[in-house]
C-alpha atoms as a PDB file:
ATOM      1  CA  MET A   1      -5.124  11.656  11.249  1.00  0.00           C
ATOM      2  CA  ARG A   2      -2.845   8.849  12.550  1.00  0.00           C
ATOM      3  CA  ILE A   3       0.452  10.127  13.337  1.00  0.00           C
ATOM      4  CA  ILE A   4       3.604   8.074  13.680  1.00  0.00           C
ATOM      5  CA  ALA A   5       5.746   9.595  16.183  1.00  0.00           C
ATOM      6  CA  THR A   6       7.494   6.174  18.302  1.00  0.00           C
ATOM      7  CA  GLU A   7       9.072   2.703  17.360  1.00  0.00           C
ATOM      8  CA  GLN A   8       5.480   1.945  18.565  1.00  0.00           C
ATOM      9  CA  ASP A   9       3.805   3.469  16.330  1.00  0.00           C
ATOM     10  CA  ILE A  10       5.812   1.222  13.883  1.00  0.00           C
ATOM     11  CA  ARG A  11       5.319  -1.648  15.589  1.00  0.00           C
ATOM     12  CA  ALA A  12       1.222  -1.115  15.338  1.00  0.00           C
ATOM     13  CA  GLY A  13       1.586  -0.727  11.906  1.00  0.00           C
ATOM     14  CA  ILE A  14       3.435  -3.788  11.081  1.00  0.00           C
ATOM     15  CA  LYS A  15       1.014  -5.556  13.177  1.00  0.00           C
ATOM     16  CA  ALA A  16      -1.739  -4.173  11.093  1.00  0.00           C
ATOM     17  CA  LEU A  17      -0.003  -4.998   7.777  1.00  0.00           C
ATOM     18  CA  ARG A  18       1.045  -8.010   8.804  1.00  0.00           C
ATOM     19  CA  ARG A  19      -2.623  -9.167   9.861  1.00  0.00           C
ATOM     20  CA  LYS A  20      -3.742  -8.483   6.106  1.00  0.00           C
ATOM     21  CA  CYS A  21      -1.363  -8.909   3.633  1.00  0.00           C
ATOM     22  CA  ALA A  22       1.236 -11.712   3.333  1.00  0.00           C
ATOM     23  CA  THR A  23       3.633  -9.800   0.938  1.00  0.00           C
ATOM     24  CA  MET A  24       3.899  -7.387   4.550  1.00  0.00           C
ATOM     25  CA  ARG A  25       4.402 -10.624   6.107  1.00  0.00           C
ATOM     26  CA  HIS A  26       6.752 -11.966   3.836  1.00  0.00           C
ATOM     27  CA  VAL A  27       8.742  -8.379   3.848  1.00  0.00           C
ATOM     28  CA  HIS A  28       9.145  -8.228   7.457  1.00  0.00           C
ATOM     29  CA  ASP A  29      10.343 -11.493   7.986  1.00  0.00           C
ATOM     30  CA  THR A  30      13.182 -10.475   5.498  1.00  0.00           C
ATOM     31  CA  ALA A  31      14.214  -7.033   6.520  1.00  0.00           C
ATOM     32  CA  GLY A  32      12.849  -6.719  10.593  1.00  0.00           C
ATOM     33  CA  ASP A  33      11.943  -3.752  11.845  1.00  0.00           C
ATOM     34  CA  PRO A  34      12.276  -0.107   9.992  1.00  0.00           C
ATOM     35  CA  PRO A  35      13.684   2.484  11.358  1.00  0.00           C
ATOM     36  CA  LEU A  36      11.359   5.652  12.457  1.00  0.00           C
ATOM     37  CA  ARG A  37      12.560   8.264  10.597  1.00  0.00           C
ATOM     38  CA  ARG A  38      11.148  11.000  11.736  1.00  0.00           C
ATOM     39  CA  ARG A  39      12.726  14.838  11.272  1.00  0.00           C
ATOM     40  CA  PRO A  40      11.592  17.766  12.760  1.00  0.00           C
ATOM     41  CA  ALA A  41       9.353  19.764  10.464  1.00  0.00           C
ATOM     42  CA  GLY A  42       9.890  23.262   9.518  1.00  0.00           C
ATOM     43  CA  PHE A  43      12.006  24.814   7.768  1.00  0.00           C
ATOM     44  CA  GLU A  44      15.129  22.538   8.528  1.00  0.00           C
ATOM     45  CA  GLY A  45      13.481  19.632   8.095  1.00  0.00           C
ATOM     46  CA  LEU A  46      12.456  20.584   4.605  1.00  0.00           C
ATOM     47  CA  ALA A  47      16.066  22.047   4.098  1.00  0.00           C
ATOM     48  CA  ARG A  48      17.467  18.141   4.805  1.00  0.00           C
ATOM     49  CA  ILE A  49      15.368  16.819   2.434  1.00  0.00           C
ATOM     50  CA  VAL A  50      16.410  19.186  -0.225  1.00  0.00           C
ATOM     51  CA  VAL A  51      20.216  18.438   0.277  1.00  0.00           C
ATOM     52  CA  GLY A  52      20.003  14.908   0.838  1.00  0.00           C
ATOM     53  CA  GLN A  53      18.200  14.065  -2.666  1.00  0.00           C
ATOM     54  CA  GLN A  54      19.847  11.656  -5.093  1.00  0.00           C
ATOM     55  CA  LEU A  55      22.803  10.912  -2.692  1.00  0.00           C
ATOM     56  CA  SER A  56      23.844   7.695  -0.140  1.00  0.00           C
ATOM     57  CA  ILE A  57      22.773   8.326   3.350  1.00  0.00           C
ATOM     58  CA  ALA A  58      26.631   8.840   4.402  1.00  0.00           C
ATOM     59  CA  SER A  59      26.840  11.681   1.708  1.00  0.00           C
ATOM     60  CA  ALA A  60      23.712  13.100   2.383  1.00  0.00           C
ATOM     61  CA  ALA A  61      24.708  13.391   6.727  1.00  0.00           C
ATOM     62  CA  ALA A  62      28.214  14.784   5.645  1.00  0.00           C
ATOM     63  CA  ILE A  63      26.836  17.539   3.421  1.00  0.00           C
ATOM     64  CA  TRP A  64      24.406  18.364   5.576  1.00  0.00           C
ATOM     65  CA  GLU A  65      26.230  18.508   9.119  1.00  0.00           C
ATOM     66  CA  ARG A  66      28.491  21.191   6.673  1.00  0.00           C
ATOM     67  CA  THR A  67      25.462  23.087   5.370  1.00  0.00           C
ATOM     68  CA  VAL A  68      24.296  23.824   8.948  1.00  0.00           C
ATOM     69  CA  VAL A  69      27.625  24.985  10.294  1.00  0.00           C
ATOM     70  CA  ALA A  70      27.878  27.516   7.844  1.00  0.00           C
ATOM     71  CA  CYS A  71      24.494  28.852   8.333  1.00  0.00           C
ATOM     72  CA  GLN A  72      24.096  29.572  12.070  1.00  0.00           C
ATOM     73  CA  PRO A  73      21.546  29.586  13.001  1.00  0.00           C
ATOM     74  CA  PHE A  74      19.801  27.650  10.765  1.00  0.00           C
ATOM     75  CA  LYS A  75      17.233  30.591   9.739  1.00  0.00           C
ATOM     76  CA  PRO A  76      15.877  31.572   6.545  1.00  0.00           C
ATOM     77  CA  ALA A  77      16.760  34.829   6.597  1.00  0.00           C
ATOM     78  CA  VAL A  78      20.614  33.540   7.627  1.00  0.00           C
ATOM     79  CA  LEU A  79      20.119  31.088   4.853  1.00  0.00           C
ATOM     80  CA  LEU A  80      19.597  34.346   1.922  1.00  0.00           C
ATOM     81  CA  SER A  81      22.510  36.255   4.016  1.00  0.00           C
ATOM     82  CA  LEU A  82      25.047  33.448   2.700  1.00  0.00           C
ATOM     83  CA  LYS A  83      26.995  33.661  -0.540  1.00  0.00           C
ATOM     84  CA  ASP A  84      26.579  30.539  -2.641  1.00  0.00           C
ATOM     85  CA  THR A  85      30.354  30.122  -2.460  1.00  0.00           C
ATOM     86  CA  ALA A  86      29.808  29.376   1.607  1.00  0.00           C
ATOM     87  CA  LEU A  87      27.101  26.663   0.269  1.00  0.00           C
ATOM     88  CA  ALA A  88      28.923  25.020  -2.072  1.00  0.00           C
ATOM     89  CA  GLY A  89      31.657  24.960   0.210  1.00  0.00           C
ATOM     90  CA  ALA A  90      29.539  22.663   2.199  1.00  0.00           C
ATOM     91  CA  GLY A  91      28.795  20.286  -0.979  1.00  0.00           C
ATOM     92  CA  LEU A  92      26.100  21.421  -1.909  1.00  0.00           C
ATOM     93  CA  SER A  93      25.094  21.744  -5.879  1.00  0.00           C
ATOM     94  CA  LYS A  94      24.056  24.806  -7.418  1.00  0.00           C
ATOM     95  CA  PRO A  95      20.267  23.035  -7.988  1.00  0.00           C
ATOM     96  CA  LYS A  96      19.924  22.515  -4.670  1.00  0.00           C
ATOM     97  CA  ILE A  97      21.490  26.166  -3.440  1.00  0.00           C
ATOM     98  CA  ARG A  98      18.789  27.686  -5.623  1.00  0.00           C
ATOM     99  CA  THR A  99      15.962  25.547  -3.797  1.00  0.00           C
ATOM    100  CA  LEU A 100      17.325  26.279  -0.394  1.00  0.00           C
ATOM    101  CA  ARG A 101      17.122  30.194  -1.415  1.00  0.00           C
ATOM    102  CA  ALA A 102      13.477  29.476  -2.736  1.00  0.00           C
ATOM    103  CA  VAL A 103      12.205  27.310   0.530  1.00  0.00           C
ATOM    104  CA  ALA A 104      13.690  30.526   2.379  1.00  0.00           C
ATOM    105  CA  ALA A 105      13.007  33.311   0.346  1.00  0.00           C
ATOM    106  CA  ALA A 106       9.123  31.454   0.471  1.00  0.00           C
ATOM    107  CA  CYS A 107       9.382  31.249   4.431  1.00  0.00           C
ATOM    108  CA  ALA A 108      10.182  34.930   4.734  1.00  0.00           C
ATOM    109  CA  ASP A 109       7.384  35.983   2.195  1.00  0.00           C
ATOM    110  CA  GLY A 110       5.162  33.770   4.639  1.00  0.00           C
ATOM    111  CA  LEU A 111       5.020  29.934   4.151  1.00  0.00           C
ATOM    112  CA  ASP A 112       4.499  28.899   7.286  1.00  0.00           C
ATOM    113  CA  LEU A 113       5.611  25.255   7.263  1.00  0.00           C
ATOM    114  CA  GLU A 114       4.668  24.274  10.672  1.00  0.00           C
ATOM    115  CA  ALA A 115       0.877  25.536   9.913  1.00  0.00           C
ATOM    116  CA  LEU A 116       0.782  22.247   7.623  1.00  0.00           C
ATOM    117  CA  ALA A 117       0.740  19.828   9.720  1.00  0.00           C
ATOM    118  CA  GLN A 118      -3.205  21.052  10.145  1.00  0.00           C
ATOM    119  CA  VAL A 119      -4.032  20.428   6.650  1.00  0.00           C
ATOM    120  CA  SER A 120      -4.621  17.795   4.234  1.00  0.00           C
ATOM    121  CA  ASP A 121      -2.210  16.176   2.402  1.00  0.00           C
ATOM    122  CA  GLU A 122      -3.044  17.535  -0.740  1.00  0.00           C
ATOM    123  CA  GLU A 123      -2.771  20.907   0.617  1.00  0.00           C
ATOM    124  CA  VAL A 124       0.474  20.197   1.924  1.00  0.00           C
ATOM    125  CA  ARG A 125       1.493  18.893  -1.854  1.00  0.00           C
ATOM    126  CA  SER A 126       0.184  22.311  -3.509  1.00  0.00           C
ATOM    127  CA  ALA A 127       1.955  24.499  -0.954  1.00  0.00           C
ATOM    128  CA  LEU A 128       5.265  22.822  -1.256  1.00  0.00           C
ATOM    129  CA  THR A 129       5.290  22.273  -5.017  1.00  0.00           C
ATOM    130  CA  ALA A 130       4.794  25.873  -5.239  1.00  0.00           C
ATOM    131  CA  VAL A 131       7.926  26.888  -4.057  1.00  0.00           C
ATOM    132  CA  VAL A 132      10.442  26.464  -7.326  1.00  0.00           C
ATOM    133  CA  GLY A 133      12.962  23.589  -7.146  1.00  0.00           C
ATOM    134  CA  ILE A 134      10.601  21.806  -4.969  1.00  0.00           C
ATOM    135  CA  GLY A 135       8.587  18.481  -6.524  1.00  0.00           C
ATOM    136  CA  PRO A 136       6.357  15.929  -5.745  1.00  0.00           C
ATOM    137  CA  TRP A 137       8.699  13.272  -4.343  1.00  0.00           C
ATOM    138  CA  THR A 138      10.031  15.995  -2.054  1.00  0.00           C
ATOM    139  CA  ALA A 139       6.512  17.133  -0.723  1.00  0.00           C
ATOM    140  CA  ASP A 140       5.590  13.116   0.061  1.00  0.00           C
ATOM    141  CA  ILE A 141       9.091  13.142   2.087  1.00  0.00           C
ATOM    142  CA  TYR A 142       8.186  15.932   3.615  1.00  0.00           C
ATOM    143  CA  ILE A 143       4.454  14.482   4.840  1.00  0.00           C
ATOM    144  CA  MET A 144       5.971  11.158   5.788  1.00  0.00           C
ATOM    145  CA  PHE A 145       8.805  12.257   7.722  1.00  0.00           C
ATOM    146  CA  CYS A 146       8.485  15.289   8.959  1.00  0.00           C
ATOM    147  CA  LEU A 147       4.838  15.442   9.528  1.00  0.00           C
ATOM    148  CA  GLY A 148       4.918  11.833  10.613  1.00  0.00           C
ATOM    149  CA  ARG A 149       1.614  10.740   8.753  1.00  0.00           C
ATOM    150  CA  ALA A 150       1.074   6.710   8.719  1.00  0.00           C
ATOM    151  CA  ASP A 151      -0.702   6.653   5.568  1.00  0.00           C
ATOM    152  CA  GLY A 152       2.158   8.924   3.704  1.00  0.00           C
ATOM    153  CA  TRP A 153       3.132   7.175   0.597  1.00  0.00           C
ATOM    154  CA  ALA A 154       6.090   8.422  -2.010  1.00  0.00           C
ATOM    155  CA  PRO A 155       4.898   6.550  -5.599  1.00  0.00           C
ATOM    156  CA  GLY A 156       7.574   8.711  -7.476  1.00  0.00           C
ATOM    157  CA  ASP A 157      10.679   6.775  -5.331  1.00  0.00           C
ATOM    158  CA  LEU A 158      12.884   4.921  -7.131  1.00  0.00           C
ATOM    159  CA  ALA A 159      13.867   2.270  -4.285  1.00  0.00           C
ATOM    160  CA  LEU A 160      10.391   2.154  -3.210  1.00  0.00           C
ATOM    161  CA  GLN A 161       9.402   1.231  -6.705  1.00  0.00           C
ATOM    162  CA  VAL A 162      11.951  -1.523  -6.924  1.00  0.00           C
ATOM    163  CA  ALA A 163      11.176  -2.450  -3.410  1.00  0.00           C
ATOM    164  CA  ALA A 164       7.523  -3.042  -4.838  1.00  0.00           C
ATOM    165  CA  GLN A 165       8.278  -5.054  -7.672  1.00  0.00           C
ATOM    166  CA  GLN A 166      10.535  -7.517  -5.980  1.00  0.00           C
ATOM    167  CA  ALA A 167       8.150  -7.697  -3.206  1.00  0.00           C
ATOM    168  CA  LEU A 168       5.144  -8.524  -5.386  1.00  0.00           C
ATOM    169  CA  ALA A 169       7.274 -10.247  -7.900  1.00  0.00           C
ATOM    170  CA  LEU A 170       5.979  -7.868 -10.817  1.00  0.00           C
ATOM    171  CA  ALA A 171       7.372  -8.087 -14.363  1.00  0.00           C
ATOM    172  CA  GLU A 172       8.265  -4.587 -14.402  1.00  0.00           C
ATOM    173  CA  ARG A 173       9.298  -1.842 -12.029  1.00  0.00           C
ATOM    174  CA  PRO A 174       5.937  -0.385 -11.724  1.00  0.00           C
ATOM    175  CA  GLY A 175       5.188   3.397 -12.358  1.00  0.00           C
ATOM    176  CA  GLU A 176       3.717   6.107  -9.510  1.00  0.00           C
ATOM    177  CA  ASP A 177       0.029   5.402 -10.841  1.00  0.00           C
ATOM    178  CA  GLU A 178       0.433   2.202 -10.315  1.00  0.00           C
ATOM    179  CA  MET A 179       2.438   2.644  -7.204  1.00  0.00           C
ATOM    180  CA  LEU A 180      -0.461   4.052  -5.635  1.00  0.00           C
ATOM    181  CA  ALA A 181      -2.827   1.803  -6.542  1.00  0.00           C
ATOM    182  CA  LEU A 182      -0.834  -0.970  -5.146  1.00  0.00           C
ATOM    183  CA  ALA A 183      -0.833   0.686  -1.830  1.00  0.00           C
ATOM    184  CA  GLU A 184      -4.351   0.968  -1.725  1.00  0.00           C
ATOM    185  CA  ARG A 185      -3.987  -2.633   0.303  1.00  0.00           C
ATOM    186  CA  TRP A 186      -1.854  -1.117   2.929  1.00  0.00           C
ATOM    187  CA  ARG A 187      -4.573   1.998   4.131  1.00  0.00           C
ATOM    188  CA  PRO A 188      -3.640   3.659   6.464  1.00  0.00           C
ATOM    189  CA  TRP A 189      -0.464   2.321   7.465  1.00  0.00           C
ATOM    190  CA  ARG A 190       0.917   3.037   3.614  1.00  0.00           C
ATOM    191  CA  GLY A 191       4.086   5.392   5.753  1.00  0.00           C
ATOM    192  CA  VAL A 192       5.123   1.728   7.327  1.00  0.00           C
ATOM    193  CA  ALA A 193       4.351  -0.502   4.388  1.00  0.00           C
ATOM    194  CA  ALA A 194       6.764   2.341   2.552  1.00  0.00           C
ATOM    195  CA  ARG A 195       9.504   1.908   5.424  1.00  0.00           C
ATOM    196  CA  LEU A 196       9.114  -1.886   5.230  1.00  0.00           C
ATOM    197  CA  LEU A 197       9.844  -1.606   1.588  1.00  0.00           C
ATOM    198  CA  TRP A 198      12.713   0.987   1.898  1.00  0.00           C
ATOM    199  CA  ALA A 199      14.102  -1.852   4.399  1.00  0.00           C
ATOM    200  CA  TYR A 200      13.575  -4.932   2.206  1.00  0.00           C
ATOM    201  CA  TYR A 201      15.068  -2.933  -0.655  1.00  0.00           C
ATOM    202  CA  ALA A 202      17.817  -2.360   1.720  1.00  0.00           C
ATOM    203  CA  ALA A 203      18.064  -6.190   3.034  1.00  0.00           C
ATOM    204  CA  VAL A 204      17.827  -7.482  -0.576  1.00  0.00           C
ATOM    205  CA  ARG A 205      20.900  -5.352  -1.946  1.00  0.00           C
ATOM    206  CA  ALA A 206      22.997  -6.617   0.819  1.00  0.00           C
ATOM    207  CA  LYS A 207      22.251 -10.116   0.395  1.00  0.00           C
ATOM    208  CA  ARG A 208      23.262  -9.726  -3.501  1.00  0.00           C
ATOM    209  CA  THR A 209      26.388  -8.108  -2.676  1.00  0.00           C
ATOM    210  CA  ALA A 210      27.250  -9.834   0.157  1.00  0.00           C
ATOM    211  CA  VAL A 211      30.974 -11.657  -0.241  1.00  0.00           C
ATOM    212  CA  PRO A 212      30.656 -15.924   0.073  1.00  0.00           C
ATOM    213  CA  VAL A 213      33.356 -16.369   2.734  1.00  0.00           C
END
């Protein structure tokens, strides 16, 4: 199982994708090298994904920092001992508080997040989505950025769908099934293709919103 651990791994994936796909050459020429975006596996890594859902990077980072301050050390038992008011004070919504508590309770009851590094993507998804509040998107992002799997893919991610539509000049934004089909061409480096497409999405948005001098 190929793992993305360093910038060198990203460059290896880019080289392979450029060689086999004209679309990826265009995306890379437009966006440049994407960031590594690795996070620690385990409770902290999964919690950070939950906290950052549907937020800007800046907002997610600020709320995450306050959450870590409120929960010291950042362990399942400590989080479970906190009152909702303490977590809400960090900026967490009620649904995210419920999900974080569900993850912490699952870990306390025997869910071994570190052990997921040794099992298949399907088994990771099954284990994570069994936790109340954890959906396929969260599981896929965990696979990509916490486990670092080079062929990870998040077909349900809206920005990724929009980027694929733009890069491939599609008439409509592709849904999850079409995203899975489209990404077959980028195996075994779908995780790098996703990073490139996210960077491309940001580059295109920045260009469109740039104020003329």
